[in-house]
Amino acid sequence: MLDVLIIGGGVSGVSCALLLGSAYSKPFASDKKIALIAHQKASSLQDALFNNAYGIEAGKLGSELLTESLKHLSTTYPHIEQIQNEKVLKIEGKIGNFSITTNKNVYQTKVVVIGIGAGNPFTIEGLEEFVIPHKKANPEKNRIQLKNHDHLVKDGVYVCGTLAGWRSQLSIAAGSGAAVATDILTLWNGGVHVQVHNSIKKY
């Protein structure tokens, strides 16, 4: 049984995983089992070029970021399991006991984070009732989002990035994933709000 399964290896999903991973020294997070399904084939980063994203060198390719971000995650926070070459087909269950079916396996998790793109149609069975037209995309683009309140779709299911209804900007997607991570950490901490910072003063 996983504590969190993150679906999506793009900006928002990996951002969420990085922040959750960075909290491993906190007593409420030290024993948590976290996994990321690093499916990237449909990521909009595949063709992206960045000149306007904070902290990223001008001319950076999105395809490079996809590879480098997963390497960053595995090197810095190796306790987070990365699941490669699997695509999620179905989500069933409720908070504390979700069953996630991929094209190869079935995973059990207490909490789910969905960080895939906003392309139509939505291909994960089990959440159809939450699919609505994207509120911040031009109608002709035919984008969708999952209906949510502050990233929460329903108890135990979070959505981040463009699928949460945010515009398609790297900085926005990264912040959305990080916001979900802090919400999950706050949940683990008994409702006491959590931020995770590293500081050179601590080294």
C-alpha atoms as a PDB file:
ATOM      1  CA  MET A   1       0.000   0.000   0.000  1.00  0.00           C
ATOM      2  CA  LEU A   2       1.426   3.333  -1.123  1.00  0.00           C
ATOM      3  CA  ASP A   3       0.725   6.533   0.769  1.00  0.00           C
ATOM      4  CA  VAL A   4       0.754   8.601  -2.439  1.00  0.00           C
ATOM      5  CA  LEU A   5       0.804   7.657  -6.101  1.00  0.00           C
ATOM      6  CA  ILE A   6       1.537  10.534  -8.486  1.00  0.00           C
ATOM      7  CA  ILE A   7       0.377  10.044 -12.063  1.00  0.00           C
ATOM      8  CA  GLY A   8       2.428  11.966 -14.613  1.00  0.00           C
ATOM      9  CA  GLY A   9       6.119  12.665 -15.141  1.00  0.00           C
ATOM     10  CA  GLY A  10       5.796  16.212 -16.412  1.00  0.00           C
ATOM     11  CA  VAL A  11       6.248  19.554 -14.672  1.00  0.00           C
ATOM     12  CA  SER A  12       3.454  19.404 -12.094  1.00  0.00           C
ATOM     13  CA  GLY A  13       3.825  15.715 -11.217  1.00  0.00           C
ATOM     14  CA  VAL A  14       7.595  15.826 -10.731  1.00  0.00           C
ATOM     15  CA  SER A  15       7.357  19.126  -8.858  1.00  0.00           C
ATOM     16  CA  CYS A  16       4.916  17.474  -6.457  1.00  0.00           C
ATOM     17  CA  ALA A  17       7.234  14.474  -6.062  1.00  0.00           C
ATOM     18  CA  LEU A  18      10.303  16.636  -5.425  1.00  0.00           C
ATOM     19  CA  LEU A  19       8.642  18.562  -2.634  1.00  0.00           C
ATOM     20  CA  LEU A  20       7.208  15.436  -1.025  1.00  0.00           C
ATOM     21  CA  GLY A  21      10.635  13.836  -1.262  1.00  0.00           C
ATOM     22  CA  SER A  22      12.301  16.807   0.389  1.00  0.00           C
ATOM     23  CA  ALA A  23      10.155  16.298   3.515  1.00  0.00           C
ATOM     24  CA  TYR A  24      11.616  12.840   4.270  1.00  0.00           C
ATOM     25  CA  SER A  25      13.349  14.140   7.415  1.00  0.00           C
ATOM     26  CA  LYS A  26      10.038  15.274   8.933  1.00  0.00           C
ATOM     27  CA  PRO A  27       8.660  12.749  11.455  1.00  0.00           C
ATOM     28  CA  PHE A  28       5.226  12.749   9.807  1.00  0.00           C
ATOM     29  CA  ALA A  29       6.714  12.001   6.350  1.00  0.00           C
ATOM     30  CA  SER A  30       9.703   9.754   7.095  1.00  0.00           C
ATOM     31  CA  ASP A  31       7.830   6.463   6.760  1.00  0.00           C
ATOM     32  CA  LYS A  32       5.630   7.383   3.798  1.00  0.00           C
ATOM     33  CA  LYS A  33       5.721   5.300   0.617  1.00  0.00           C
ATOM     34  CA  ILE A  34       5.604   7.524  -2.464  1.00  0.00           C
ATOM     35  CA  ALA A  35       5.643   6.524  -6.123  1.00  0.00           C
ATOM     36  CA  LEU A  36       5.521   8.378  -9.440  1.00  0.00           C
ATOM     37  CA  ILE A  37       4.220   6.913 -12.682  1.00  0.00           C
ATOM     38  CA  ALA A  38       6.611   8.730 -14.997  1.00  0.00           C
ATOM     39  CA  HIS A  39       4.587   8.572 -18.201  1.00  0.00           C
ATOM     40  CA  GLN A  40       5.862  11.415 -20.411  1.00  0.00           C
ATOM     41  CA  LYS A  41       4.999  10.592 -24.023  1.00  0.00           C
ATOM     42  CA  ALA A  42       2.097  13.043 -24.178  1.00  0.00           C
ATOM     43  CA  SER A  43       3.848  15.840 -22.272  1.00  0.00           C
ATOM     44  CA  SER A  44       3.682  19.267 -23.892  1.00  0.00           C
ATOM     45  CA  LEU A  45       7.324  19.688 -22.838  1.00  0.00           C
ATOM     46  CA  GLN A  46       8.430  17.378 -25.639  1.00  0.00           C
ATOM     47  CA  ASP A  47       8.410  20.296 -28.106  1.00  0.00           C
ATOM     48  CA  ALA A  48       8.935  23.182 -25.692  1.00  0.00           C
ATOM     49  CA  LEU A  49      11.696  25.808 -25.668  1.00  0.00           C
ATOM     50  CA  PHE A  50      12.109  28.000 -22.585  1.00  0.00           C
ATOM     51  CA  ASN A  51      13.290  31.586 -22.531  1.00  0.00           C
ATOM     52  CA  ASN A  52      10.876  32.973 -19.913  1.00  0.00           C
ATOM     53  CA  ALA A  53      10.820  30.552 -16.964  1.00  0.00           C
ATOM     54  CA  TYR A  54      12.293  31.609 -13.630  1.00  0.00           C
ATOM     55  CA  GLY A  55      15.511  29.774 -12.736  1.00  0.00           C
ATOM     56  CA  ILE A  56      15.851  28.050 -16.104  1.00  0.00           C
ATOM     57  CA  GLU A  57      18.602  29.079 -18.497  1.00  0.00           C
ATOM     58  CA  ALA A  58      17.329  30.665 -21.717  1.00  0.00           C
ATOM     59  CA  GLY A  59      17.200  28.240 -24.628  1.00  0.00           C
ATOM     60  CA  LYS A  60      16.503  25.194 -22.463  1.00  0.00           C
ATOM     61  CA  LEU A  61      14.584  22.449 -24.238  1.00  0.00           C
ATOM     62  CA  GLY A  62      11.572  20.897 -22.607  1.00  0.00           C
ATOM     63  CA  SER A  63      12.710  17.456 -23.723  1.00  0.00           C
ATOM     64  CA  GLU A  64      15.904  17.976 -21.709  1.00  0.00           C
ATOM     65  CA  LEU A  65      13.932  19.062 -18.650  1.00  0.00           C
ATOM     66  CA  LEU A  66      11.827  15.896 -18.789  1.00  0.00           C
ATOM     67  CA  THR A  67      14.931  13.719 -18.569  1.00  0.00           C
ATOM     68  CA  GLU A  68      16.842  15.910 -16.130  1.00  0.00           C
ATOM     69  CA  SER A  69      13.935  16.311 -13.699  1.00  0.00           C
ATOM     70  CA  LEU A  70      13.507  12.547 -13.280  1.00  0.00           C
ATOM     71  CA  LYS A  71      17.259  12.178 -12.790  1.00  0.00           C
ATOM     72  CA  HIS A  72      17.137  14.961 -10.176  1.00  0.00           C
ATOM     73  CA  LEU A  73      14.318  13.125  -8.404  1.00  0.00           C
ATOM     74  CA  SER A  74      16.054   9.749  -8.401  1.00  0.00           C
ATOM     75  CA  THR A  75      19.419  11.171  -7.338  1.00  0.00           C
ATOM     76  CA  THR A  76      18.225  13.504  -4.586  1.00  0.00           C
ATOM     77  CA  TYR A  77      15.233  11.533  -3.290  1.00  0.00           C
ATOM     78  CA  PRO A  78      15.853   7.879  -4.175  1.00  0.00           C
ATOM     79  CA  HIS A  79      13.201   6.726  -1.698  1.00  0.00           C
ATOM     80  CA  ILE A  80      10.538   7.824  -4.192  1.00  0.00           C
ATOM     81  CA  GLU A  81       9.806   4.943  -6.547  1.00  0.00           C
ATOM     82  CA  GLN A  82       9.706   5.788 -10.250  1.00  0.00           C
ATOM     83  CA  ILE A  83       7.490   3.558 -12.373  1.00  0.00           C
ATOM     84  CA  GLN A  84       8.473   3.643 -16.036  1.00  0.00           C
ATOM     85  CA  ASN A  85       6.668   2.640 -19.234  1.00  0.00           C
ATOM     86  CA  GLU A  86       3.204   2.299 -17.714  1.00  0.00           C
ATOM     87  CA  LYS A  87       0.020   4.200 -18.496  1.00  0.00           C
ATOM     88  CA  VAL A  88      -2.870   4.548 -16.054  1.00  0.00           C
ATOM     89  CA  LEU A  89      -6.178   3.187 -17.345  1.00  0.00           C
ATOM     90  CA  LYS A  90      -8.494   3.204 -14.319  1.00  0.00           C
ATOM     91  CA  ILE A  91      -8.896   4.657 -10.808  1.00  0.00           C
ATOM     92  CA  GLU A  92     -11.238   2.954  -8.339  1.00  0.00           C
ATOM     93  CA  GLY A  93     -11.894   3.136  -4.613  1.00  0.00           C
ATOM     94  CA  LYS A  94     -11.890   5.838  -1.968  1.00  0.00           C
ATOM     95  CA  ILE A  95      -9.454   7.710   0.254  1.00  0.00           C
ATOM     96  CA  GLY A  96      -7.226   5.292   2.079  1.00  0.00           C
ATOM     97  CA  ASN A  97      -7.839   2.494  -0.410  1.00  0.00           C
ATOM     98  CA  PHE A  98      -7.553   3.374  -4.094  1.00  0.00           C
ATOM     99  CA  SER A  99      -6.820   0.822  -6.785  1.00  0.00           C
ATOM    100  CA  ILE A 100      -4.894   2.169  -9.783  1.00  0.00           C
ATOM    101  CA  THR A 101      -4.851  -0.028 -12.888  1.00  0.00           C
ATOM    102  CA  THR A 102      -2.184   0.508 -15.551  1.00  0.00           C
ATOM    103  CA  ASN A 103      -1.528  -1.339 -18.790  1.00  0.00           C
ATOM    104  CA  LYS A 104       0.810  -3.626 -16.812  1.00  0.00           C
ATOM    105  CA  ASN A 105      -0.014  -3.618 -13.086  1.00  0.00           C
ATOM    106  CA  VAL A 106      -2.443  -2.719 -10.323  1.00  0.00           C
ATOM    107  CA  TYR A 107      -1.316  -0.460  -7.454  1.00  0.00           C
ATOM    108  CA  GLN A 108      -2.936   0.257  -4.097  1.00  0.00           C
ATOM    109  CA  THR A 109      -2.586   3.748  -2.656  1.00  0.00           C
ATOM    110  CA  LYS A 110      -4.151   5.910   0.038  1.00  0.00           C
ATOM    111  CA  VAL A 111      -3.960   9.161  -1.981  1.00  0.00           C
ATOM    112  CA  VAL A 112      -3.763   9.874  -5.719  1.00  0.00           C
ATOM    113  CA  VAL A 113      -2.288  12.914  -7.498  1.00  0.00           C
ATOM    114  CA  ILE A 114      -3.099  13.358 -11.192  1.00  0.00           C
ATOM    115  CA  GLY A 115      -0.611  15.522 -13.062  1.00  0.00           C
ATOM    116  CA  ILE A 116      -1.180  14.693 -16.719  1.00  0.00           C
ATOM    117  CA  GLY A 117      -2.024  17.112 -19.528  1.00  0.00           C
ATOM    118  CA  ALA A 118      -5.362  18.683 -20.397  1.00  0.00           C
ATOM    119  CA  GLY A 119      -5.808  16.966 -23.752  1.00  0.00           C
ATOM    120  CA  ASN A 120      -9.236  15.728 -24.772  1.00  0.00           C
ATOM    121  CA  PRO A 121     -10.383  12.990 -24.303  1.00  0.00           C
ATOM    122  CA  PHE A 122      -9.537  12.160 -20.691  1.00  0.00           C
ATOM    123  CA  THR A 123      -8.419   8.540 -20.880  1.00  0.00           C
ATOM    124  CA  ILE A 124      -8.461   7.436 -17.212  1.00  0.00           C
ATOM    125  CA  GLU A 125     -11.625   5.544 -16.338  1.00  0.00           C
ATOM    126  CA  GLY A 126     -13.333   6.312 -13.042  1.00  0.00           C
ATOM    127  CA  LEU A 127     -13.315  10.110 -12.933  1.00  0.00           C
ATOM    128  CA  GLU A 128     -15.548  10.927 -15.909  1.00  0.00           C
ATOM    129  CA  GLU A 129     -18.051  12.788 -13.736  1.00  0.00           C
ATOM    130  CA  PHE A 130     -15.412  15.430 -12.938  1.00  0.00           C
ATOM    131  CA  VAL A 131     -14.365  16.189 -16.536  1.00  0.00           C
ATOM    132  CA  ILE A 132     -15.389  19.675 -17.689  1.00  0.00           C
ATOM    133  CA  PRO A 133     -14.228  22.105 -20.411  1.00  0.00           C
ATOM    134  CA  HIS A 134     -11.032  23.924 -19.472  1.00  0.00           C
ATOM    135  CA  LYS A 135     -11.928  27.303 -17.974  1.00  0.00           C
ATOM    136  CA  LYS A 136      -8.667  29.050 -18.918  1.00  0.00           C
ATOM    137  CA  ALA A 137      -8.062  27.722 -22.432  1.00  0.00           C
ATOM    138  CA  ASN A 138      -9.521  28.975 -25.704  1.00  0.00           C
ATOM    139  CA  PRO A 139     -12.582  26.858 -26.625  1.00  0.00           C
ATOM    140  CA  GLU A 140     -11.190  25.978 -30.054  1.00  0.00           C
ATOM    141  CA  LYS A 141      -8.305  24.142 -28.390  1.00  0.00           C
ATOM    142  CA  ASN A 142     -10.809  21.642 -26.942  1.00  0.00           C
ATOM    143  CA  ARG A 143      -8.944  21.305 -23.629  1.00  0.00           C
ATOM    144  CA  ILE A 144     -10.478  19.755 -20.534  1.00  0.00           C
ATOM    145  CA  GLN A 145      -9.884  19.871 -16.796  1.00  0.00           C
ATOM    146  CA  LEU A 146     -11.048  18.027 -13.717  1.00  0.00           C
ATOM    147  CA  LYS A 147     -13.522  19.928 -11.579  1.00  0.00           C
ATOM    148  CA  ASN A 148     -11.779  20.656  -8.286  1.00  0.00           C
ATOM    149  CA  HIS A 149     -11.667  22.917  -5.274  1.00  0.00           C
ATOM    150  CA  ASP A 150      -8.119  24.149  -4.616  1.00  0.00           C
ATOM    151  CA  HIS A 151      -6.706  21.057  -6.408  1.00  0.00           C
ATOM    152  CA  LEU A 152      -8.941  18.589  -4.544  1.00  0.00           C
ATOM    153  CA  VAL A 153     -11.208  16.619  -6.898  1.00  0.00           C
ATOM    154  CA  LYS A 154     -12.681  14.468  -4.133  1.00  0.00           C
ATOM    155  CA  ASP A 155     -11.377  13.066  -0.855  1.00  0.00           C
ATOM    156  CA  GLY A 156      -7.986  11.548  -1.552  1.00  0.00           C
ATOM    157  CA  VAL A 157      -7.781  12.607  -5.224  1.00  0.00           C
ATOM    158  CA  TYR A 158      -5.786  15.713  -6.143  1.00  0.00           C
ATOM    159  CA  VAL A 159      -5.170  17.218  -9.575  1.00  0.00           C
ATOM    160  CA  CYS A 160      -2.352  19.589 -10.519  1.00  0.00           C
ATOM    161  CA  GLY A 161      -1.054  21.504 -13.530  1.00  0.00           C
ATOM    162  CA  THR A 162      -3.123  22.250 -16.614  1.00  0.00           C
ATOM    163  CA  LEU A 163      -5.586  19.462 -15.764  1.00  0.00           C
ATOM    164  CA  ALA A 164      -6.438  21.404 -12.594  1.00  0.00           C
ATOM    165  CA  GLY A 165      -7.567  24.320 -14.751  1.00  0.00           C
ATOM    166  CA  TRP A 166      -4.358  26.355 -14.805  1.00  0.00           C
ATOM    167  CA  ARG A 167      -2.883  27.957 -17.900  1.00  0.00           C
ATOM    168  CA  SER A 168      -0.122  26.125 -19.708  1.00  0.00           C
ATOM    169  CA  GLN A 169       2.973  27.851 -18.287  1.00  0.00           C
ATOM    170  CA  LEU A 170       5.857  25.926 -16.743  1.00  0.00           C
ATOM    171  CA  SER A 171       6.054  28.119 -13.656  1.00  0.00           C
ATOM    172  CA  ILE A 172       2.327  27.815 -13.012  1.00  0.00           C
ATOM    173  CA  ALA A 173       2.349  24.029 -13.428  1.00  0.00           C
ATOM    174  CA  ALA A 174       5.364  23.655 -11.123  1.00  0.00           C
ATOM    175  CA  GLY A 175       3.714  25.797  -8.470  1.00  0.00           C
ATOM    176  CA  SER A 176       0.490  23.825  -8.754  1.00  0.00           C
ATOM    177  CA  GLY A 177       2.325  20.537  -8.150  1.00  0.00           C
ATOM    178  CA  ALA A 178       4.187  22.015  -5.182  1.00  0.00           C
ATOM    179  CA  ALA A 179       0.922  23.339  -3.734  1.00  0.00           C
ATOM    180  CA  VAL A 180      -0.600  19.856  -3.844  1.00  0.00           C
ATOM    181  CA  ALA A 181       2.487  18.435  -2.124  1.00  0.00           C
ATOM    182  CA  THR A 182       2.160  20.917   0.747  1.00  0.00           C
ATOM    183  CA  ASP A 183      -1.525  20.024   1.081  1.00  0.00           C
ATOM    184  CA  ILE A 184      -0.628  16.343   1.380  1.00  0.00           C
ATOM    185  CA  LEU A 185       2.128  17.097   3.894  1.00  0.00           C
ATOM    186  CA  THR A 186      -0.347  19.162   5.889  1.00  0.00           C
ATOM    187  CA  LEU A 187      -2.745  16.192   5.826  1.00  0.00           C
ATOM    188  CA  TRP A 188       0.021  13.917   7.142  1.00  0.00           C
ATOM    189  CA  ASN A 189       0.852  16.504   9.810  1.00  0.00           C
ATOM    190  CA  GLY A 190      -2.621  16.339  11.307  1.00  0.00           C
ATOM    191  CA  GLY A 191      -3.847  19.518   9.649  1.00  0.00           C
ATOM    192  CA  VAL A 192      -0.956  21.702  10.820  1.00  0.00           C
ATOM    193  CA  HIS A 193       0.222  23.700   7.792  1.00  0.00           C
ATOM    194  CA  VAL A 194       3.553  22.645   6.295  1.00  0.00           C
ATOM    195  CA  GLN A 195       6.193  24.291   4.133  1.00  0.00           C
ATOM    196  CA  VAL A 196       9.507  22.609   3.347  1.00  0.00           C
ATOM    197  CA  HIS A 197      12.628  24.731   2.903  1.00  0.00           C
ATOM    198  CA  ASN A 198      16.308  23.865   2.659  1.00  0.00           C
ATOM    199  CA  SER A 199      18.776  26.418   3.990  1.00  0.00           C
ATOM    200  CA  ILE A 200      22.548  26.800   3.829  1.00  0.00           C
ATOM    201  CA  LYS A 201      22.373  27.768   7.520  1.00  0.00           C
ATOM    202  CA  LYS A 202      21.481  24.161   8.345  1.00  0.00           C
ATOM    203  CA  TYR A 203      24.590  22.685   6.731  1.00  0.00           C
END
